[in-house]
Amino acid sequence: MKDNDVLVQYKIMRQILIYLSHLDHEDTEKQMLKKLSKQLKDEDWTWNNLNTLC
């Protein structure tokens, strides 16, 4: 059951990202790069944080 919940969450997050990129592609890219840069500089870096960004 838990795997199913994770899959549903992934699909929802994927759809949201697709819609956001259609609204303003450049801004979405800028925001994601900003967050990725923060992840790389942050000493609190974790796989979970990176997966959340992805």
PDB file of N, CA and C in Angstrom:
ATOM      1  N   MET A   1       0.827  -1.192   0.000  1.00  0.00           N
ATOM      2  CA  MET A   1       0.000   0.000   0.000  1.00  0.00           C
ATOM      3  C   MET A   1       0.870   1.254   0.000  1.00  0.00           C
ATOM      4  N   LYS A   2       1.963   1.241   0.768  1.00  0.00           N
ATOM      5  CA  LYS A   2       2.824   2.406   0.863  1.00  0.00           C
ATOM      6  C   LYS A   2       3.438   2.736  -0.498  1.00  0.00           C
ATOM      7  N   ASP A   3       3.864   1.714  -1.254  1.00  0.00           N
ATOM      8  CA  ASP A   3       4.435   1.947  -2.582  1.00  0.00           C
ATOM      9  C   ASP A   3       3.431   2.646  -3.486  1.00  0.00           C
ATOM     10  N   ASN A   4       2.183   2.282  -3.361  1.00  0.00           N
ATOM     11  CA  ASN A   4       1.134   2.894  -4.152  1.00  0.00           C
ATOM     12  C   ASN A   4       0.997   4.380  -3.818  1.00  0.00           C
ATOM     13  N   ASP A   5       1.060   4.726  -2.544  1.00  0.00           N
ATOM     14  CA  ASP A   5       0.978   6.123  -2.111  1.00  0.00           C
ATOM     15  C   ASP A   5       2.139   6.939  -2.658  1.00  0.00           C
ATOM     16  N   VAL A   6       3.320   6.344  -2.630  1.00  0.00           N
ATOM     17  CA  VAL A   6       4.505   7.033  -3.142  1.00  0.00           C
ATOM     18  C   VAL A   6       4.372   7.259  -4.646  1.00  0.00           C
ATOM     19  N   LEU A   7       3.865   6.286  -5.346  1.00  0.00           N
ATOM     20  CA  LEU A   7       3.669   6.417  -6.787  1.00  0.00           C
ATOM     21  C   LEU A   7       2.647   7.510  -7.107  1.00  0.00           C
ATOM     22  N   VAL A   8       1.578   7.562  -6.372  1.00  0.00           N
ATOM     23  CA  VAL A   8       0.562   8.600  -6.569  1.00  0.00           C
ATOM     24  C   VAL A   8       1.162   9.978  -6.293  1.00  0.00           C
ATOM     25  N   GLN A   9       1.929  10.086  -5.229  1.00  0.00           N
ATOM     26  CA  GLN A   9       2.574  11.365  -4.900  1.00  0.00           C
ATOM     27  C   GLN A   9       3.535  11.779  -6.016  1.00  0.00           C
ATOM     28  N   TYR A  10       4.313  10.838  -6.519  1.00  0.00           N
ATOM     29  CA  TYR A  10       5.238  11.131  -7.608  1.00  0.00           C
ATOM     30  C   TYR A  10       4.492  11.659  -8.836  1.00  0.00           C
ATOM     31  N   LYS A  11       3.408  11.002  -9.198  1.00  0.00           N
ATOM     32  CA  LYS A  11       2.642  11.422 -10.379  1.00  0.00           C
ATOM     33  C   LYS A  11       2.060  12.822 -10.206  1.00  0.00           C
ATOM     34  N   ILE A  12       1.586  13.117  -9.009  1.00  0.00           N
ATOM     35  CA  ILE A  12       1.035  14.456  -8.733  1.00  0.00           C
ATOM     36  C   ILE A  12       2.134  15.503  -8.830  1.00  0.00           C
ATOM     37  N   MET A  13       3.273  15.230  -8.213  1.00  0.00           N
ATOM     38  CA  MET A  13       4.380  16.180  -8.256  1.00  0.00           C
ATOM     39  C   MET A  13       4.873  16.384  -9.686  1.00  0.00           C
ATOM     40  N   ARG A  14       4.893  15.324 -10.457  1.00  0.00           N
ATOM     41  CA  ARG A  14       5.320  15.410 -11.854  1.00  0.00           C
ATOM     42  C   ARG A  14       4.369  16.300 -12.653  1.00  0.00           C
ATOM     43  N   GLN A  15       3.069  16.124 -12.457  1.00  0.00           N
ATOM     44  CA  GLN A  15       2.085  16.945 -13.155  1.00  0.00           C
ATOM     45  C   GLN A  15       2.196  18.415 -12.768  1.00  0.00           C
ATOM     46  N   ILE A  16       2.431  18.680 -11.499  1.00  0.00           N
ATOM     47  CA  ILE A  16       2.589  20.062 -11.039  1.00  0.00           C
ATOM     48  C   ILE A  16       3.796  20.697 -11.708  1.00  0.00           C
ATOM     49  N   LEU A  17       4.894  19.971 -11.774  1.00  0.00           N
ATOM     50  CA  LEU A  17       6.088  20.512 -12.411  1.00  0.00           C
ATOM     51  C   LEU A  17       5.844  20.771 -13.898  1.00  0.00           C
ATOM     52  N   ILE A  18       5.137  19.904 -14.555  1.00  0.00           N
ATOM     53  CA  ILE A  18       4.819  20.106 -15.974  1.00  0.00           C
ATOM     54  C   ILE A  18       3.981  21.360 -16.148  1.00  0.00           C
ATOM     55  N   TYR A  19       2.970  21.530 -15.316  1.00  0.00           N
ATOM     56  CA  TYR A  19       2.126  22.731 -15.409  1.00  0.00           C
ATOM     57  C   TYR A  19       2.919  24.002 -15.125  1.00  0.00           C
ATOM     58  N   LEU A  20       3.783  23.957 -14.128  1.00  0.00           N
ATOM     59  CA  LEU A  20       4.585  25.129 -13.803  1.00  0.00           C
ATOM     60  C   LEU A  20       5.537  25.494 -14.939  1.00  0.00           C
ATOM     61  N   SER A  21       6.129  24.495 -15.532  1.00  0.00           N
ATOM     62  CA  SER A  21       7.051  24.785 -16.632  1.00  0.00           C
ATOM     63  C   SER A  21       6.313  25.337 -17.851  1.00  0.00           C
ATOM     64  N   HIS A  22       5.060  24.982 -18.012  1.00  0.00           N
ATOM     65  CA  HIS A  22       4.276  25.532 -19.116  1.00  0.00           C
ATOM     66  C   HIS A  22       3.876  26.979 -18.838  1.00  0.00           C
ATOM     67  N   LEU A  23       3.706  27.321 -17.577  1.00  0.00           N
ATOM     68  CA  LEU A  23       3.326  28.689 -17.240  1.00  0.00           C
ATOM     69  C   LEU A  23       4.465  29.658 -17.537  1.00  0.00           C
ATOM     70  N   ASP A  24       5.624  29.362 -17.021  1.00  0.00           N
ATOM     71  CA  ASP A  24       6.776  30.235 -17.226  1.00  0.00           C
ATOM     72  C   ASP A  24       8.043  29.390 -17.166  1.00  0.00           C
ATOM     73  N   HIS A  25       8.452  28.921 -18.306  1.00  0.00           N
ATOM     74  CA  HIS A  25       9.580  27.999 -18.391  1.00  0.00           C
ATOM     75  C   HIS A  25      10.852  28.602 -17.788  1.00  0.00           C
ATOM     76  N   GLU A  26      11.156  29.821 -18.114  1.00  0.00           N
ATOM     77  CA  GLU A  26      12.391  30.446 -17.646  1.00  0.00           C
ATOM     78  C   GLU A  26      12.396  30.630 -16.133  1.00  0.00           C
ATOM     79  N   ASP A  27      11.283  31.070 -15.595  1.00  0.00           N
ATOM     80  CA  ASP A  27      11.204  31.265 -14.152  1.00  0.00           C
ATOM     81  C   ASP A  27      11.305  29.933 -13.410  1.00  0.00           C
ATOM     82  N   THR A  28      10.653  28.907 -13.916  1.00  0.00           N
ATOM     83  CA  THR A  28      10.716  27.593 -13.283  1.00  0.00           C
ATOM     84  C   THR A  28      12.147  27.077 -13.281  1.00  0.00           C
ATOM     85  N   GLU A  29      12.821  27.225 -14.403  1.00  0.00           N
ATOM     86  CA  GLU A  29      14.213  26.788 -14.493  1.00  0.00           C
ATOM     87  C   GLU A  29      15.091  27.584 -13.521  1.00  0.00           C
ATOM     88  N   LYS A  30      14.876  28.877 -13.451  1.00  0.00           N
ATOM     89  CA  LYS A  30      15.658  29.723 -12.551  1.00  0.00           C
ATOM     90  C   LYS A  30      15.447  29.310 -11.094  1.00  0.00           C
ATOM     91  N   GLN A  31      14.196  29.046 -10.726  1.00  0.00           N
ATOM     92  CA  GLN A  31      13.891  28.644  -9.344  1.00  0.00           C
ATOM     93  C   GLN A  31      14.530  27.298  -8.998  1.00  0.00           C
ATOM     94  N   MET A  32      14.479  26.368  -9.930  1.00  0.00           N
ATOM     95  CA  MET A  32      15.051  25.050  -9.663  1.00  0.00           C
ATOM     96  C   MET A  32      16.574  25.127  -9.565  1.00  0.00           C
ATOM     97  N   LEU A  33      17.186  25.915 -10.417  1.00  0.00           N
ATOM     98  CA  LEU A  33      18.637  26.072 -10.343  1.00  0.00           C
ATOM     99  C   LEU A  33      19.056  26.764  -9.047  1.00  0.00           C
ATOM    100  N   LYS A  34      18.245  27.694  -8.617  1.00  0.00           N
ATOM    101  CA  LYS A  34      18.510  28.381  -7.347  1.00  0.00           C
ATOM    102  C   LYS A  34      18.460  27.387  -6.186  1.00  0.00           C
ATOM    103  N   LYS A  35      17.451  26.536  -6.187  1.00  0.00           N
ATOM    104  CA  LYS A  35      17.314  25.539  -5.117  1.00  0.00           C
ATOM    105  C   LYS A  35      18.436  24.492  -5.194  1.00  0.00           C
ATOM    106  N   LEU A  36      18.807  24.107  -6.400  1.00  0.00           N
ATOM    107  CA  LEU A  36      19.899  23.144  -6.561  1.00  0.00           C
ATOM    108  C   LEU A  36      21.215  23.749  -6.073  1.00  0.00           C
ATOM    109  N   SER A  37      21.446  24.990  -6.395  1.00  0.00           N
ATOM    110  CA  SER A  37      22.646  25.676  -5.931  1.00  0.00           C
ATOM    111  C   SER A  37      22.679  25.733  -4.410  1.00  0.00           C
ATOM    112  N   LYS A  38      21.534  26.009  -3.822  1.00  0.00           N
ATOM    113  CA  LYS A  38      21.433  26.041  -2.360  1.00  0.00           C
ATOM    114  C   LYS A  38      21.752  24.669  -1.774  1.00  0.00           C
ATOM    115  N   GLN A  39      21.280  23.616  -2.425  1.00  0.00           N
ATOM    116  CA  GLN A  39      21.563  22.254  -1.964  1.00  0.00           C
ATOM    117  C   GLN A  39      23.066  21.977  -1.992  1.00  0.00           C
ATOM    118  N   LEU A  40      23.728  22.431  -3.028  1.00  0.00           N
ATOM    119  CA  LEU A  40      25.155  22.160  -3.157  1.00  0.00           C
ATOM    120  C   LEU A  40      25.986  22.939  -2.151  1.00  0.00           C
ATOM    121  N   LYS A  41      25.526  24.115  -1.769  1.00  0.00           N
ATOM    122  CA  LYS A  41      26.261  24.942  -0.820  1.00  0.00           C
ATOM    123  C   LYS A  41      25.922  24.611   0.630  1.00  0.00           C
ATOM    124  N   ASP A  42      24.768  24.064   0.836  1.00  0.00           N
ATOM    125  CA  ASP A  42      24.287  23.806   2.189  1.00  0.00           C
ATOM    126  C   ASP A  42      25.045  22.638   2.813  1.00  0.00           C
ATOM    127  N   GLU A  43      25.424  22.796   4.064  1.00  0.00           N
ATOM    128  CA  GLU A  43      26.114  21.715   4.768  1.00  0.00           C
ATOM    129  C   GLU A  43      25.133  20.656   5.246  1.00  0.00           C
ATOM    130  N   ASP A  44      23.864  20.931   5.126  1.00  0.00           N
ATOM    131  CA  ASP A  44      22.820  20.005   5.556  1.00  0.00           C
ATOM    132  C   ASP A  44      22.301  19.184   4.383  1.00  0.00           C
ATOM    133  N   TRP A  45      23.150  18.951   3.413  1.00  0.00           N
ATOM    134  CA  TRP A  45      22.750  18.259   2.193  1.00  0.00           C
ATOM    135  C   TRP A  45      22.376  16.821   2.501  1.00  0.00           C
ATOM    136  N   THR A  46      21.239  16.382   1.932  1.00  0.00           N
ATOM    137  CA  THR A  46      20.810  14.991   2.091  1.00  0.00           C
ATOM    138  C   THR A  46      20.208  14.503   0.775  1.00  0.00           C
ATOM    139  N   TRP A  47      20.162  13.224   0.616  1.00  0.00           N
ATOM    140  CA  TRP A  47      19.540  12.636  -0.568  1.00  0.00           C
ATOM    141  C   TRP A  47      18.056  12.979  -0.607  1.00  0.00           C
ATOM    142  N   ASN A  48      17.438  12.998   0.549  1.00  0.00           N
ATOM    143  CA  ASN A  48      16.010  13.298   0.616  1.00  0.00           C
ATOM    144  C   ASN A  48      15.718  14.706   0.100  1.00  0.00           C
ATOM    145  N   ASN A  49      16.540  15.674   0.503  1.00  0.00           N
ATOM    146  CA  ASN A  49      16.345  17.040   0.023  1.00  0.00           C
ATOM    147  C   ASN A  49      16.523  17.123  -1.492  1.00  0.00           C
ATOM    148  N   LEU A  50      17.510  16.422  -2.004  1.00  0.00           N
ATOM    149  CA  LEU A  50      17.737  16.420  -3.445  1.00  0.00           C
ATOM    150  C   LEU A  50      16.595  15.721  -4.167  1.00  0.00           C
ATOM    151  N   ASN A  51      16.103  14.622  -3.631  1.00  0.00           N
ATOM    152  CA  ASN A  51      14.972  13.932  -4.242  1.00  0.00           C
ATOM    153  C   ASN A  51      13.719  14.805  -4.237  1.00  0.00           C
ATOM    154  N   THR A  52      13.546  15.581  -3.188  1.00  0.00           N
ATOM    155  CA  THR A  52      12.409  16.477  -3.128  1.00  0.00           C
ATOM    156  C   THR A  52      12.480  17.510  -4.239  1.00  0.00           C
ATOM    157  N   LEU A  53      13.664  18.018  -4.480  1.00  0.00           N
ATOM    158  CA  LEU A  53      13.860  18.976  -5.552  1.00  0.00           C
ATOM    159  C   LEU A  53      13.594  18.336  -6.912  1.00  0.00           C
ATOM    160  N   CYS A  54      14.087  17.108  -7.071  1.00  0.00           N
ATOM    161  CA  CYS A  54      13.885  16.411  -8.349  1.00  0.00           C
ATOM    162  C   CYS A  54      12.425  16.125  -8.593  1.00  0.00           C
TER     163      CYS A  54
END
